[in-house]
Amino acid sequence: GQRNVAPVPGGGGGGGLFASFANRQFWFNNPFDKTIDAHIVVELPDFLVRRGWELEFTNRGGTRFKLGPCDRRRIVMRLKQGKDFTADDVAKYDNAQINVLALADGRIIGGMSYAIDPKLKQPPEEDPKGVCA
């Protein structure tokens, strides 16, 4: 499966990171010719977990749903903001990132990784339609 990586800000404290996940979306695709049990698993870095941060899913079905053969579903998520942090807190981690894993029948088939950059203070400009839209 494919896992994409996107930079998100960690250099300006929690505000920039929180803003990066306002209505953030990706597509969960079922590449199989059968219905699957779709599951989304989130891995947050310890410094966010300890401060009470959570990733919430507002799409239909949340983190568990059935997905028909060759079907897809738009996944919509947002961060629940916890206590603030600094760029130094982020820089202490070699691999400070939020991982969102897409599983089909218990097997990883893709996902997204959001690399928390201690030098980035604001969310980067993104084209929500994508290059080919």
C-alpha atoms as a PDB file:
ATOM      1  CA  GLY A   1       0.000   0.000   0.000  1.00  0.00           C
ATOM      2  CA  GLN A   2       0.925   3.608  -0.365  1.00  0.00           C
ATOM      3  CA  ARG A   3       1.812   5.891   2.554  1.00  0.00           C
ATOM      4  CA  ASN A   4       2.223   9.584   1.854  1.00  0.00           C
ATOM      5  CA  VAL A   5       4.153  12.065   4.008  1.00  0.00           C
ATOM      6  CA  ALA A   6       3.119  15.700   4.533  1.00  0.00           C
ATOM      7  CA  PRO A   7       4.933  18.317   6.649  1.00  0.00           C
ATOM      8  CA  VAL A   8       2.981  20.024   9.440  1.00  0.00           C
ATOM      9  CA  PRO A   9       4.168  22.850  11.711  1.00  0.00           C
ATOM     10  CA  GLY A  10       5.604  22.233  15.157  1.00  0.00           C
ATOM     11  CA  GLY A  11       7.766  25.348  15.470  1.00  0.00           C
ATOM     12  CA  GLY A  12       5.089  27.782  16.541  1.00  0.00           C
ATOM     13  CA  GLY A  13       3.607  25.721  19.356  1.00  0.00           C
ATOM     14  CA  GLY A  14       0.304  23.909  19.213  1.00  0.00           C
ATOM     15  CA  GLY A  15      -1.613  26.562  17.277  1.00  0.00           C
ATOM     16  CA  GLY A  16       0.036  25.843  13.936  1.00  0.00           C
ATOM     17  CA  LEU A  17      -0.306  22.084  14.317  1.00  0.00           C
ATOM     18  CA  PHE A  18      -3.952  22.441  15.336  1.00  0.00           C
ATOM     19  CA  ALA A  19      -4.640  24.665  12.295  1.00  0.00           C
ATOM     20  CA  SER A  20      -2.989  22.095  10.001  1.00  0.00           C
ATOM     21  CA  PHE A  21      -5.630  19.535  10.881  1.00  0.00           C
ATOM     22  CA  ALA A  22      -8.701  21.735  10.492  1.00  0.00           C
ATOM     23  CA  ASN A  23     -10.862  19.583   8.193  1.00  0.00           C
ATOM     24  CA  ARG A  24      -7.850  17.567   6.935  1.00  0.00           C
ATOM     25  CA  GLN A  25      -8.852  14.841   4.489  1.00  0.00           C
ATOM     26  CA  PHE A  26      -7.608  11.852   2.541  1.00  0.00           C
ATOM     27  CA  TRP A  27      -9.212   8.996   0.617  1.00  0.00           C
ATOM     28  CA  PHE A  28      -9.420   5.442   1.977  1.00  0.00           C
ATOM     29  CA  ASN A  29      -9.469   3.196  -1.110  1.00  0.00           C
ATOM     30  CA  ASN A  30     -10.460  -0.465  -1.143  1.00  0.00           C
ATOM     31  CA  PRO A  31      -8.233  -2.023  -3.841  1.00  0.00           C
ATOM     32  CA  PHE A  32      -9.887  -5.437  -3.491  1.00  0.00           C
ATOM     33  CA  ASP A  33     -12.815  -6.997  -5.353  1.00  0.00           C
ATOM     34  CA  LYS A  34     -14.520  -7.863  -2.058  1.00  0.00           C
ATOM     35  CA  THR A  35     -16.029  -5.930   0.834  1.00  0.00           C
ATOM     36  CA  ILE A  36     -13.499  -5.201   3.571  1.00  0.00           C
ATOM     37  CA  ASP A  37     -13.553  -4.282   7.230  1.00  0.00           C
ATOM     38  CA  ALA A  38     -11.829  -0.902   7.073  1.00  0.00           C
ATOM     39  CA  HIS A  39     -10.033   0.377  10.155  1.00  0.00           C
ATOM     40  CA  ILE A  40      -7.987   3.518  10.753  1.00  0.00           C
ATOM     41  CA  VAL A  41      -5.255   3.416  13.394  1.00  0.00           C
ATOM     42  CA  VAL A  42      -3.567   6.562  14.725  1.00  0.00           C
ATOM     43  CA  GLU A  43      -0.072   6.796  16.186  1.00  0.00           C
ATOM     44  CA  LEU A  44       0.698  10.073  17.973  1.00  0.00           C
ATOM     45  CA  PRO A  45       4.152  10.992  19.291  1.00  0.00           C
ATOM     46  CA  ASP A  46       4.564  10.707  23.075  1.00  0.00           C
ATOM     47  CA  PHE A  47       4.931  14.453  23.603  1.00  0.00           C
ATOM     48  CA  LEU A  48       1.423  14.976  22.173  1.00  0.00           C
ATOM     49  CA  VAL A  49      -0.135  12.030  24.026  1.00  0.00           C
ATOM     50  CA  ARG A  50       1.276  13.266  27.348  1.00  0.00           C
ATOM     51  CA  ARG A  51      -0.242  16.688  26.685  1.00  0.00           C
ATOM     52  CA  GLY A  52      -3.701  15.280  25.948  1.00  0.00           C
ATOM     53  CA  TRP A  53      -3.801  15.719  22.161  1.00  0.00           C
ATOM     54  CA  GLU A  54      -6.067  13.378  20.145  1.00  0.00           C
ATOM     55  CA  LEU A  55      -6.943  12.881  16.495  1.00  0.00           C
ATOM     56  CA  GLU A  56     -10.707  12.713  15.875  1.00  0.00           C
ATOM     57  CA  PHE A  57     -12.477  11.445  12.762  1.00  0.00           C
ATOM     58  CA  THR A  58     -15.670  13.182  11.648  1.00  0.00           C
ATOM     59  CA  ASN A  59     -16.373  11.121   8.522  1.00  0.00           C
ATOM     60  CA  ARG A  60     -19.250   8.645   8.386  1.00  0.00           C
ATOM     61  CA  GLY A  61     -18.206   5.522  10.269  1.00  0.00           C
ATOM     62  CA  GLY A  62     -15.339   7.173  12.140  1.00  0.00           C
ATOM     63  CA  THR A  63     -12.367   4.794  12.321  1.00  0.00           C
ATOM     64  CA  ARG A  64     -14.235   1.513  11.549  1.00  0.00           C
ATOM     65  CA  PHE A  65     -16.545   0.808   8.642  1.00  0.00           C
ATOM     66  CA  LYS A  66     -17.300  -1.633   5.822  1.00  0.00           C
ATOM     67  CA  LEU A  67     -16.097  -0.635   2.377  1.00  0.00           C
ATOM     68  CA  GLY A  68     -17.430  -2.304  -0.758  1.00  0.00           C
ATOM     69  CA  PRO A  69     -15.337  -3.777  -3.575  1.00  0.00           C
ATOM     70  CA  CYS A  70     -13.134  -1.141  -5.254  1.00  0.00           C
ATOM     71  CA  ASP A  71     -14.992   1.568  -3.302  1.00  0.00           C
ATOM     72  CA  ARG A  72     -13.505   4.549  -1.490  1.00  0.00           C
ATOM     73  CA  ARG A  73     -14.414   6.866   1.352  1.00  0.00           C
ATOM     74  CA  ARG A  74     -13.329  10.393   2.159  1.00  0.00           C
ATOM     75  CA  ILE A  75     -11.715  10.421   5.614  1.00  0.00           C
ATOM     76  CA  VAL A  76     -12.041  13.702   7.518  1.00  0.00           C
ATOM     77  CA  MET A  77     -10.081  14.340  10.685  1.00  0.00           C
ATOM     78  CA  ARG A  78      -9.200  17.088  13.121  1.00  0.00           C
ATOM     79  CA  LEU A  79      -6.951  17.422  16.127  1.00  0.00           C
ATOM     80  CA  LYS A  80      -8.369  17.809  19.599  1.00  0.00           C
ATOM     81  CA  GLN A  81      -5.973  20.321  21.099  1.00  0.00           C
ATOM     82  CA  GLY A  82      -4.198  19.487  24.329  1.00  0.00           C
ATOM     83  CA  LYS A  83      -1.607  21.428  26.286  1.00  0.00           C
ATOM     84  CA  ASP A  84       0.818  23.556  24.301  1.00  0.00           C
ATOM     85  CA  PHE A  85       4.370  22.546  23.344  1.00  0.00           C
ATOM     86  CA  THR A  86       7.487  24.237  21.955  1.00  0.00           C
ATOM     87  CA  ALA A  87       9.734  23.693  18.947  1.00  0.00           C
ATOM     88  CA  ASP A  88      12.306  22.285  21.398  1.00  0.00           C
ATOM     89  CA  ASP A  89       9.796  19.629  22.520  1.00  0.00           C
ATOM     90  CA  VAL A  90       9.397  18.559  18.876  1.00  0.00           C
ATOM     91  CA  ALA A  91      13.146  18.674  18.121  1.00  0.00           C
ATOM     92  CA  LYS A  92      13.859  16.135  20.895  1.00  0.00           C
ATOM     93  CA  TYR A  93      12.216  13.431  18.743  1.00  0.00           C
ATOM     94  CA  ASP A  94      14.083  11.905  15.805  1.00  0.00           C
ATOM     95  CA  ASN A  95      10.816  10.947  14.163  1.00  0.00           C
ATOM     96  CA  ALA A  96       8.124  13.323  15.429  1.00  0.00           C
ATOM     97  CA  GLN A  97       5.177  12.443  13.269  1.00  0.00           C
ATOM     98  CA  ILE A  98       1.520  11.579  13.355  1.00  0.00           C
ATOM     99  CA  ASN A  99       0.830   8.310  11.531  1.00  0.00           C
ATOM    100  CA  VAL A 100      -2.615   7.453  10.212  1.00  0.00           C
ATOM    101  CA  LEU A 101      -2.685   3.833   9.040  1.00  0.00           C
ATOM    102  CA  ALA A 102      -5.347   2.380   6.739  1.00  0.00           C
ATOM    103  CA  LEU A 103      -6.082  -1.297   7.415  1.00  0.00           C
ATOM    104  CA  ALA A 104      -8.180  -3.720   5.371  1.00  0.00           C
ATOM    105  CA  ASP A 105      -9.240  -6.852   7.230  1.00  0.00           C
ATOM    106  CA  GLY A 106      -6.443  -6.198   9.741  1.00  0.00           C
ATOM    107  CA  ARG A 107      -3.631  -5.629   7.196  1.00  0.00           C
ATOM    108  CA  ILE A 108      -2.014  -2.259   6.484  1.00  0.00           C
ATOM    109  CA  ILE A 109      -2.797  -1.156   2.935  1.00  0.00           C
ATOM    110  CA  GLY A 110      -1.812   2.523   3.124  1.00  0.00           C
ATOM    111  CA  GLY A 111      -2.091   5.693   5.119  1.00  0.00           C
ATOM    112  CA  MET A 112      -0.630   9.116   5.775  1.00  0.00           C
ATOM    113  CA  SER A 113       2.266  10.354   7.872  1.00  0.00           C
ATOM    114  CA  TYR A 114       2.401  13.949   9.041  1.00  0.00           C
ATOM    115  CA  ALA A 115       5.982  14.962   9.878  1.00  0.00           C
ATOM    116  CA  ILE A 116       5.928  17.585  12.651  1.00  0.00           C
ATOM    117  CA  ASP A 117       8.623  20.089  11.642  1.00  0.00           C
ATOM    118  CA  PRO A 118      10.094  22.170  14.511  1.00  0.00           C
ATOM    119  CA  LYS A 119      11.215  24.817  11.970  1.00  0.00           C
ATOM    120  CA  LEU A 120       7.784  25.250  10.380  1.00  0.00           C
ATOM    121  CA  LYS A 121       5.495  27.721  12.178  1.00  0.00           C
ATOM    122  CA  GLN A 122       2.440  27.825   9.917  1.00  0.00           C
ATOM    123  CA  PRO A 123       0.660  25.221   7.787  1.00  0.00           C
ATOM    124  CA  PRO A 124       2.077  25.083   4.241  1.00  0.00           C
ATOM    125  CA  GLU A 125      -0.183  26.142   1.393  1.00  0.00           C
ATOM    126  CA  GLU A 126      -1.902  23.110  -0.104  1.00  0.00           C
ATOM    127  CA  ASP A 127      -4.000  22.541  -3.194  1.00  0.00           C
ATOM    128  CA  PRO A 128      -7.051  20.686  -1.833  1.00  0.00           C
ATOM    129  CA  LYS A 129      -8.040  19.532  -5.329  1.00  0.00           C
ATOM    130  CA  GLY A 130      -4.656  17.940  -5.974  1.00  0.00           C
ATOM    131  CA  VAL A 131      -2.484  18.192  -9.053  1.00  0.00           C
ATOM    132  CA  CYS A 132      -4.761  16.218 -11.366  1.00  0.00           C
ATOM    133  CA  ALA A 133      -8.145  17.667 -10.367  1.00  0.00           C
END
